[in-house]
Amino acid sequence: TRAVERLWRCDENAYESVAALVTVDANGAPSV
């Protein structure tokens, strides 16, 4: 469908970026 879902965003008081995606559970929620 090309639909996009936001899973996570860094908060305003830090700079935090994704280094790697580790696992994804059955509901599509990842550990990063």
Full PDB file with SEQRES, HELIX, SHEET, SSBOND, CRYST1, ORIGX, SCALE, CONECT and MASTER records, all heavy atoms in Angstrom:
SEQRES   1 A   32  THR ARG ALA VAL GLU ARG LEU TRP ARG CYS ASP GLU ASN          
SEQRES   2 A   32  ALA TYR GLU SER VAL ALA ALA LEU VAL THR VAL ASP ALA          
SEQRES   3 A   32  ASN GLY ALA PRO SER VAL                                      
SHEET    1 AA1 2 THR A  23  VAL A  24  0                                        
SHEET    2 AA1 2 PRO A  30  SER A  31 -1                                        
CRYST1    1.000    1.000    1.000  90.00  90.00  90.00 P 1           1          
ORIGX1      1.000000  0.000000  0.000000        0.00000                         
ORIGX2      0.000000  1.000000  0.000000        0.00000                         
ORIGX3      0.000000  0.000000  1.000000        0.00000                         
SCALE1      1.000000  0.000000  0.000000        0.00000                         
SCALE2      0.000000  1.000000  0.000000        0.00000                         
SCALE3      0.000000  0.000000  1.000000        0.00000                         
ATOM      1  N   THR A   1       0.818  -1.229   0.000  1.00  0.00           N  
ATOM      2  CA  THR A   1       0.000   0.000   0.000  1.00  0.00           C  
ATOM      3  C   THR A   1       0.842   1.264   0.000  1.00  0.00           C  
ATOM      4  O   THR A   1       0.327   2.356  -0.214  1.00  0.00           O  
ATOM      5  CB  THR A   1      -0.922   0.028   1.225  1.00  0.00           C  
ATOM      6  OG1 THR A   1      -0.114   0.174   2.412  1.00  0.00           O  
ATOM      7  CG2 THR A   1      -1.750  -1.240   1.308  1.00  0.00           C  
ATOM      8  N   ARG A   2       2.149   1.143   0.266  1.00  0.00           N  
ATOM      9  CA  ARG A   2       3.083   2.275   0.390  1.00  0.00           C  
ATOM     10  C   ARG A   2       2.813   3.115   1.619  1.00  0.00           C  
ATOM     11  O   ARG A   2       3.376   4.192   1.814  1.00  0.00           O  
ATOM     12  CB  ARG A   2       3.098   3.175  -0.850  1.00  0.00           C  
ATOM     13  CG  ARG A   2       4.160   2.805  -1.850  1.00  0.00           C  
ATOM     14  CD  ARG A   2       3.918   1.501  -2.518  1.00  0.00           C  
ATOM     15  NE  ARG A   2       2.788   1.592  -3.443  1.00  0.00           N  
ATOM     16  CZ  ARG A   2       2.198   0.513  -3.955  1.00  0.00           C  
ATOM     17  NH1 ARG A   2       2.613  -0.699  -3.636  1.00  0.00           N  
ATOM     18  NH2 ARG A   2       1.185   0.659  -4.781  1.00  0.00           N  
ATOM     19  N   ALA A   3       1.903   2.694   2.489  1.00  0.00           N  
ATOM     20  CA  ALA A   3       1.604   3.435   3.713  1.00  0.00           C  
ATOM     21  C   ALA A   3       2.821   3.441   4.627  1.00  0.00           C  
ATOM     22  O   ALA A   3       3.578   2.464   4.699  1.00  0.00           O  
ATOM     23  CB  ALA A   3       0.415   2.811   4.426  1.00  0.00           C  
ATOM     24  N   VAL A   4       3.022   4.564   5.339  1.00  0.00           N  
ATOM     25  CA  VAL A   4       4.163   4.716   6.240  1.00  0.00           C  
ATOM     26  C   VAL A   4       3.663   4.888   7.671  1.00  0.00           C  
ATOM     27  O   VAL A   4       2.738   5.658   7.927  1.00  0.00           O  
ATOM     28  CB  VAL A   4       5.026   5.930   5.831  1.00  0.00           C  
ATOM     29  CG1 VAL A   4       6.159   6.144   6.837  1.00  0.00           C  
ATOM     30  CG2 VAL A   4       5.590   5.739   4.429  1.00  0.00           C  
ATOM     31  N   GLU A   5       4.269   4.145   8.588  1.00  0.00           N  
ATOM     32  CA  GLU A   5       3.927   4.260  10.005  1.00  0.00           C  
ATOM     33  C   GLU A   5       5.163   4.672  10.797  1.00  0.00           C  
ATOM     34  O   GLU A   5       6.234   4.101  10.627  1.00  0.00           O  
ATOM     35  CB  GLU A   5       3.396   2.934  10.560  1.00  0.00           C  
ATOM     36  CG  GLU A   5       2.076   2.493   9.963  1.00  0.00           C  
ATOM     37  CD  GLU A   5       1.598   1.187  10.568  1.00  0.00           C  
ATOM     38  OE1 GLU A   5       2.220   0.736  11.578  1.00  0.00           O  
ATOM     39  OE2 GLU A   5       0.635   0.599  10.046  1.00  0.00           O  
ATOM     40  N   ARG A   6       5.029   5.684  11.655  1.00  0.00           N  
ATOM     41  CA  ARG A   6       6.131   6.125  12.508  1.00  0.00           C  
ATOM     42  C   ARG A   6       6.187   5.210  13.735  1.00  0.00           C  
ATOM     43  O   ARG A   6       5.235   5.106  14.503  1.00  0.00           O  
ATOM     44  CB  ARG A   6       5.895   7.579  12.903  1.00  0.00           C  
ATOM     45  CG  ARG A   6       6.846   8.192  13.892  1.00  0.00           C  
ATOM     46  CD  ARG A   6       8.235   8.553  13.411  1.00  0.00           C  
ATOM     47  NE  ARG A   6       8.470   8.847  12.041  1.00  0.00           N  
ATOM     48  CZ  ARG A   6       8.713  10.054  11.528  1.00  0.00           C  
ATOM     49  NH1 ARG A   6       8.722  11.111  12.298  1.00  0.00           N  
ATOM     50  NH2 ARG A   6       8.985  10.198  10.248  1.00  0.00           N  
ATOM     51  N   LEU A   7       7.311   4.523  13.926  1.00  0.00           N  
ATOM     52  CA  LEU A   7       7.492   3.612  15.062  1.00  0.00           C  
ATOM     53  C   LEU A   7       8.184   4.291  16.234  1.00  0.00           C  
ATOM     54  O   LEU A   7       7.933   3.947  17.395  1.00  0.00           O  
ATOM     55  CB  LEU A   7       8.317   2.399  14.625  1.00  0.00           C  
ATOM     56  CG  LEU A   7       7.726   1.551  13.494  1.00  0.00           C  
ATOM     57  CD1 LEU A   7       8.697   0.443  13.106  1.00  0.00           C  
ATOM     58  CD2 LEU A   7       6.368   0.972  13.903  1.00  0.00           C  
ATOM     59  N   TRP A   8       9.055   5.250  15.926  1.00  0.00           N  
ATOM     60  CA  TRP A   8       9.815   5.907  16.993  1.00  0.00           C  
ATOM     61  C   TRP A   8      10.445   7.171  16.455  1.00  0.00           C  
ATOM     62  O   TRP A   8      10.784   7.263  15.269  1.00  0.00           O  
ATOM     63  CB  TRP A   8      10.911   4.962  17.508  1.00  0.00           C  
ATOM     64  CG  TRP A   8      11.877   5.594  18.464  1.00  0.00           C  
ATOM     65  CD1 TRP A   8      11.721   5.769  19.806  1.00  0.00           C  
ATOM     66  CD2 TRP A   8      13.162   6.146  18.130  1.00  0.00           C  
ATOM     67  NE1 TRP A   8      12.830   6.392  20.335  1.00  0.00           N  
ATOM     68  CE2 TRP A   8      13.729   6.635  19.324  1.00  0.00           C  
ATOM     69  CE3 TRP A   8      13.874   6.261  16.945  1.00  0.00           C  
ATOM     70  CZ2 TRP A   8      14.981   7.241  19.356  1.00  0.00           C  
ATOM     71  CZ3 TRP A   8      15.115   6.867  16.969  1.00  0.00           C  
ATOM     72  CH2 TRP A   8      15.663   7.346  18.176  1.00  0.00           C  
ATOM     73  N   ARG A   9      10.577   8.180  17.344  1.00  0.00           N  
ATOM     74  CA  ARG A   9      11.274   9.402  17.001  1.00  0.00           C  
ATOM     75  C   ARG A   9      12.033   9.896  18.222  1.00  0.00           C  
ATOM     76  O   ARG A   9      11.522   9.829  19.356  1.00  0.00           O  
ATOM     77  CB  ARG A   9      10.300  10.483  16.523  1.00  0.00           C  
ATOM     78  CG  ARG A   9      10.997  11.722  15.957  1.00  0.00           C  
ATOM     79  CD  ARG A   9      10.001  12.791  15.565  1.00  0.00           C  
ATOM     80  NE  ARG A   9      10.653  13.909  14.868  1.00  0.00           N  
ATOM     81  CZ  ARG A   9      10.058  15.046  14.584  1.00  0.00           C  
ATOM     82  NH1 ARG A   9       8.780  15.233  14.924  1.00  0.00           N  
ATOM     83  NH2 ARG A   9      10.719  16.012  13.956  1.00  0.00           N  
ATOM     84  N   CYS A  10      13.226  10.366  17.995  1.00  0.00           N  
ATOM     85  CA  CYS A  10      14.057  10.903  19.070  1.00  0.00           C  
ATOM     86  C   CYS A  10      13.341  12.058  19.768  1.00  0.00           C  
ATOM     87  O   CYS A  10      12.667  12.867  19.120  1.00  0.00           O  
ATOM     88  CB  CYS A  10      15.373  11.370  18.466  1.00  0.00           C  
ATOM     89  SG  CYS A  10      16.408  12.355  19.547  1.00  0.00           S  
ATOM     90  N   ASP A  11      13.501  12.145  21.096  1.00  0.00           N  
ATOM     91  CA  ASP A  11      12.869  13.263  21.796  1.00  0.00           C  
ATOM     92  C   ASP A  11      13.633  14.558  21.543  1.00  0.00           C  
ATOM     93  O   ASP A  11      14.732  14.563  20.982  1.00  0.00           O  
ATOM     94  CB  ASP A  11      12.744  12.976  23.300  1.00  0.00           C  
ATOM     95  CG  ASP A  11      14.090  12.840  23.996  1.00  0.00           C  
ATOM     96  OD1 ASP A  11      14.899  13.777  23.894  1.00  0.00           O  
ATOM     97  OD2 ASP A  11      14.336  11.802  24.649  1.00  0.00           O  
ATOM     98  N   GLU A  12      13.060  15.675  21.960  1.00  0.00           N  
ATOM     99  CA  GLU A  12      13.600  16.986  21.616  1.00  0.00           C  
ATOM    100  C   GLU A  12      14.863  17.344  22.391  1.00  0.00           C  
ATOM    101  O   GLU A  12      15.597  18.242  21.989  1.00  0.00           O  
ATOM    102  CB  GLU A  12      12.543  18.068  21.868  1.00  0.00           C  
ATOM    103  CG  GLU A  12      11.324  17.957  20.972  1.00  0.00           C  
ATOM    104  CD  GLU A  12      10.306  19.034  21.253  1.00  0.00           C  
ATOM    105  OE1 GLU A  12      10.423  19.690  22.333  1.00  0.00           O  
ATOM    106  OE2 GLU A  12       9.399  19.240  20.436  1.00  0.00           O  
ATOM    107  N   ASN A  13      15.126  16.673  23.505  1.00  0.00           N  
ATOM    108  CA  ASN A  13      16.232  17.053  24.379  1.00  0.00           C  
ATOM    109  C   ASN A  13      17.455  16.156  24.239  1.00  0.00           C  
ATOM    110  O   ASN A  13      18.300  16.104  25.131  1.00  0.00           O  
ATOM    111  CB  ASN A  13      15.751  17.056  25.835  1.00  0.00           C  
ATOM    112  CG  ASN A  13      14.599  18.022  26.040  1.00  0.00           C  
ATOM    113  OD1 ASN A  13      14.641  19.153  25.563  1.00  0.00           O  
ATOM    114  ND2 ASN A  13      13.561  17.578  26.738  1.00  0.00           N  
ATOM    115  N   ALA A  14      17.546  15.456  23.129  1.00  0.00           N  
ATOM    116  CA  ALA A  14      18.691  14.569  22.901  1.00  0.00           C  
ATOM    117  C   ALA A  14      18.855  14.386  21.403  1.00  0.00           C  
ATOM    118  O   ALA A  14      18.022  14.833  20.600  1.00  0.00           O  
ATOM    119  CB  ALA A  14      18.488  13.222  23.586  1.00  0.00           C  
ATOM    120  N   TYR A  15      19.967  13.754  21.026  1.00  0.00           N  
ATOM    121  CA  TYR A  15      20.158  13.311  19.656  1.00  0.00           C  
ATOM    122  C   TYR A  15      20.387  11.812  19.729  1.00  0.00           C  
ATOM    123  O   TYR A  15      21.414  11.348  20.247  1.00  0.00           O  
ATOM    124  CB  TYR A  15      21.336  14.014  18.991  1.00  0.00           C  
ATOM    125  CG  TYR A  15      21.526  13.588  17.551  1.00  0.00           C  
ATOM    126  CD1 TYR A  15      20.849  14.231  16.526  1.00  0.00           C  
ATOM    127  CD2 TYR A  15      22.366  12.524  17.232  1.00  0.00           C  
ATOM    128  CE1 TYR A  15      21.002  13.830  15.206  1.00  0.00           C  
ATOM    129  CE2 TYR A  15      22.531  12.114  15.919  1.00  0.00           C  
ATOM    130  CZ  TYR A  15      21.841  12.769  14.913  1.00  0.00           C  
ATOM    131  OH  TYR A  15      21.987  12.363  13.611  1.00  0.00           O  
ATOM    132  N   GLU A  16      19.434  11.035  19.247  1.00  0.00           N  
ATOM    133  CA  GLU A  16      19.503   9.583  19.329  1.00  0.00           C  
ATOM    134  C   GLU A  16      19.128   9.009  17.979  1.00  0.00           C  
ATOM    135  O   GLU A  16      18.070   9.314  17.426  1.00  0.00           O  
ATOM    136  CB  GLU A  16      18.556   9.069  20.406  1.00  0.00           C  
ATOM    137  CG  GLU A  16      18.658   7.589  20.666  1.00  0.00           C  
ATOM    138  CD  GLU A  16      17.851   7.145  21.882  1.00  0.00           C  
ATOM    139  OE1 GLU A  16      17.138   7.985  22.464  1.00  0.00           O  
ATOM    140  OE2 GLU A  16      17.940   5.955  22.256  1.00  0.00           O  
ATOM    141  N   SER A  17      20.007   8.195  17.432  1.00  0.00           N  
ATOM    142  CA  SER A  17      19.783   7.638  16.097  1.00  0.00           C  
ATOM    143  C   SER A  17      19.839   6.119  16.137  1.00  0.00           C  
ATOM    144  O   SER A  17      20.462   5.514  17.026  1.00  0.00           O  
ATOM    145  CB  SER A  17      20.832   8.165  15.121  1.00  0.00           C  
ATOM    146  OG  SER A  17      22.135   7.845  15.567  1.00  0.00           O  
ATOM    147  N   VAL A  18      19.186   5.498  15.172  1.00  0.00           N  
ATOM    148  CA  VAL A  18      19.137   4.037  15.094  1.00  0.00           C  
ATOM    149  C   VAL A  18      20.455   3.521  14.520  1.00  0.00           C  
ATOM    150  O   VAL A  18      20.856   3.898  13.416  1.00  0.00           O  
ATOM    151  CB  VAL A  18      17.954   3.582  14.225  1.00  0.00           C  
ATOM    152  CG1 VAL A  18      17.992   2.069  14.027  1.00  0.00           C  
ATOM    153  CG2 VAL A  18      16.635   4.004  14.857  1.00  0.00           C  
ATOM    154  N   ALA A  19      21.129   2.667  15.286  1.00  0.00           N  
ATOM    155  CA  ALA A  19      22.372   2.050  14.807  1.00  0.00           C  
ATOM    156  C   ALA A  19      22.092   0.713  14.126  1.00  0.00           C  
ATOM    157  O   ALA A  19      22.765   0.351  13.163  1.00  0.00           O  
ATOM    158  CB  ALA A  19      23.335   1.844  15.974  1.00  0.00           C  
ATOM    159  N   ALA A  20      21.080  -0.010  14.619  1.00  0.00           N  
ATOM    160  CA  ALA A  20      20.727  -1.300  14.024  1.00  0.00           C  
ATOM    161  C   ALA A  20      19.360  -1.733  14.529  1.00  0.00           C  
ATOM    162  O   ALA A  20      18.949  -1.368  15.637  1.00  0.00           O  
ATOM    163  CB  ALA A  20      21.761  -2.372  14.372  1.00  0.00           C  
ATOM    164  N   LEU A  21      18.652  -2.470  13.698  1.00  0.00           N  
ATOM    165  CA  LEU A  21      17.400  -3.094  14.119  1.00  0.00           C  
ATOM    166  C   LEU A  21      17.739  -4.512  14.541  1.00  0.00           C  
ATOM    167  O   LEU A  21      18.327  -5.276  13.766  1.00  0.00           O  
ATOM    168  CB  LEU A  21      16.394  -3.062  12.977  1.00  0.00           C  
ATOM    169  CG  LEU A  21      14.936  -3.373  13.340  1.00  0.00           C  
ATOM    170  CD1 LEU A  21      13.987  -2.694  12.362  1.00  0.00           C  
ATOM    171  CD2 LEU A  21      14.681  -4.875  13.332  1.00  0.00           C  
ATOM    172  N   VAL A  22      17.375  -4.883  15.779  1.00  0.00           N  
ATOM    173  CA  VAL A  22      17.807  -6.163  16.344  1.00  0.00           C  
ATOM    174  C   VAL A  22      16.794  -7.266  16.067  1.00  0.00           C  
ATOM    175  O   VAL A  22      17.108  -8.290  15.457  1.00  0.00           O  
ATOM    176  CB  VAL A  22      18.067  -6.024  17.860  1.00  0.00           C  
ATOM    177  CG1 VAL A  22      18.547  -7.354  18.439  1.00  0.00           C  
ATOM    178  CG2 VAL A  22      19.093  -4.926  18.125  1.00  0.00           C  
ATOM    179  N   THR A  23      15.546  -7.052  16.516  1.00  0.00           N  
ATOM    180  CA  THR A  23      14.483  -8.043  16.303  1.00  0.00           C  
ATOM    181  C   THR A  23      13.171  -7.312  16.041  1.00  0.00           C  
ATOM    182  O   THR A  23      13.038  -6.123  16.346  1.00  0.00           O  
ATOM    183  CB  THR A  23      14.295  -8.958  17.524  1.00  0.00           C  
ATOM    184  OG1 THR A  23      13.955  -8.155  18.667  1.00  0.00           O  
ATOM    185  CG2 THR A  23      15.546  -9.761  17.821  1.00  0.00           C  
ATOM    186  N   VAL A  24      12.200  -8.046  15.496  1.00  0.00           N  
ATOM    187  CA  VAL A  24      10.850  -7.530  15.300  1.00  0.00           C  
ATOM    188  C   VAL A  24       9.874  -8.569  15.820  1.00  0.00           C  
ATOM    189  O   VAL A  24       9.939  -9.743  15.431  1.00  0.00           O  
ATOM    190  CB  VAL A  24      10.561  -7.250  13.807  1.00  0.00           C  
ATOM    191  CG1 VAL A  24       9.169  -6.652  13.644  1.00  0.00           C  
ATOM    192  CG2 VAL A  24      11.618  -6.338  13.212  1.00  0.00           C  
ATOM    193  N   ASP A  25       8.963  -8.167  16.750  1.00  0.00           N  
ATOM    194  CA  ASP A  25       8.019  -9.140  17.300  1.00  0.00           C  
ATOM    195  C   ASP A  25       6.862  -9.377  16.336  1.00  0.00           C  
ATOM    196  O   ASP A  25       6.768  -8.767  15.265  1.00  0.00           O  
ATOM    197  CB  ASP A  25       7.521  -8.705  18.684  1.00  0.00           C  
ATOM    198  CG  ASP A  25       6.677  -7.441  18.656  1.00  0.00           C  
ATOM    199  OD1 ASP A  25       6.102  -7.116  17.604  1.00  0.00           O  
ATOM    200  OD2 ASP A  25       6.577  -6.766  19.709  1.00  0.00           O  
ATOM    201  N   ALA A  26       5.959 -10.270  16.724  1.00  0.00           N  
ATOM    202  CA  ALA A  26       4.857 -10.661  15.850  1.00  0.00           C  
ATOM    203  C   ALA A  26       3.940  -9.497  15.507  1.00  0.00           C  
ATOM    204  O   ALA A  26       3.255  -9.509  14.480  1.00  0.00           O  
ATOM    205  CB  ALA A  26       4.062 -11.781  16.503  1.00  0.00           C  
ATOM    206  N   ASN A  27       3.912  -8.490  16.372  1.00  0.00           N  
ATOM    207  CA  ASN A  27       3.056  -7.325  16.124  1.00  0.00           C  
ATOM    208  C   ASN A  27       3.761  -6.229  15.324  1.00  0.00           C  
ATOM    209  O   ASN A  27       3.203  -5.151  15.123  1.00  0.00           O  
ATOM    210  CB  ASN A  27       2.572  -6.746  17.453  1.00  0.00           C  
ATOM    211  CG  ASN A  27       1.730  -7.737  18.245  1.00  0.00           C  
ATOM    212  OD1 ASN A  27       0.891  -8.437  17.666  1.00  0.00           O  
ATOM    213  ND2 ASN A  27       1.963  -7.820  19.551  1.00  0.00           N  
ATOM    214  N   GLY A  28       4.995  -6.506  14.914  1.00  0.00           N  
ATOM    215  CA  GLY A  28       5.723  -5.528  14.121  1.00  0.00           C  
ATOM    216  C   GLY A  28       6.497  -4.521  14.946  1.00  0.00           C  
ATOM    217  O   GLY A  28       7.045  -3.571  14.391  1.00  0.00           O  
ATOM    218  N   ALA A  29       6.531  -4.676  16.259  1.00  0.00           N  
ATOM    219  CA  ALA A  29       7.273  -3.743  17.118  1.00  0.00           C  
ATOM    220  C   ALA A  29       8.725  -4.206  17.212  1.00  0.00           C  
ATOM    221  O   ALA A  29       8.995  -5.315  17.679  1.00  0.00           O  
ATOM    222  CB  ALA A  29       6.649  -3.680  18.499  1.00  0.00           C  
ATOM    223  N   PRO A  30       9.662  -3.374  16.788  1.00  0.00           N  
ATOM    224  CA  PRO A  30      11.058  -3.801  16.795  1.00  0.00           C  
ATOM    225  C   PRO A  30      11.778  -3.467  18.100  1.00  0.00           C  
ATOM    226  O   PRO A  30      11.361  -2.609  18.872  1.00  0.00           O  
ATOM    227  CB  PRO A  30      11.661  -3.012  15.633  1.00  0.00           C  
ATOM    228  CG  PRO A  30      10.836  -1.768  15.551  1.00  0.00           C  
ATOM    229  CD  PRO A  30       9.467  -2.110  16.065  1.00  0.00           C  
ATOM    230  N   SER A  31      12.879  -4.159  18.308  1.00  0.00           N  
ATOM    231  CA  SER A  31      13.883  -3.757  19.282  1.00  0.00           C  
ATOM    232  C   SER A  31      15.054  -3.208  18.482  1.00  0.00           C  
ATOM    233  O   SER A  31      15.479  -3.826  17.497  1.00  0.00           O  
ATOM    234  CB  SER A  31      14.341  -4.945  20.127  1.00  0.00           C  
ATOM    235  OG  SER A  31      13.295  -5.404  20.950  1.00  0.00           O  
ATOM    236  N   VAL A  32      15.557  -2.041  18.888  1.00  0.00           N  
ATOM    237  CA  VAL A  32      16.596  -1.384  18.106  1.00  0.00           C  
ATOM    238  C   VAL A  32      17.775  -1.007  18.989  1.00  0.00           C  
ATOM    239  O   VAL A  32      17.619  -0.738  20.194  1.00  0.00           O  
ATOM    240  CB  VAL A  32      16.061  -0.123  17.402  1.00  0.00           C  
ATOM    241  CG1 VAL A  32      15.055  -0.491  16.330  1.00  0.00           C  
ATOM    242  CG2 VAL A  32      15.464   0.858  18.389  1.00  0.00           C  
TER     243      VAL A  32                                                      
MASTER        0    0    0    0    2    0    0    6  242    1    0    3          
END                                                                             
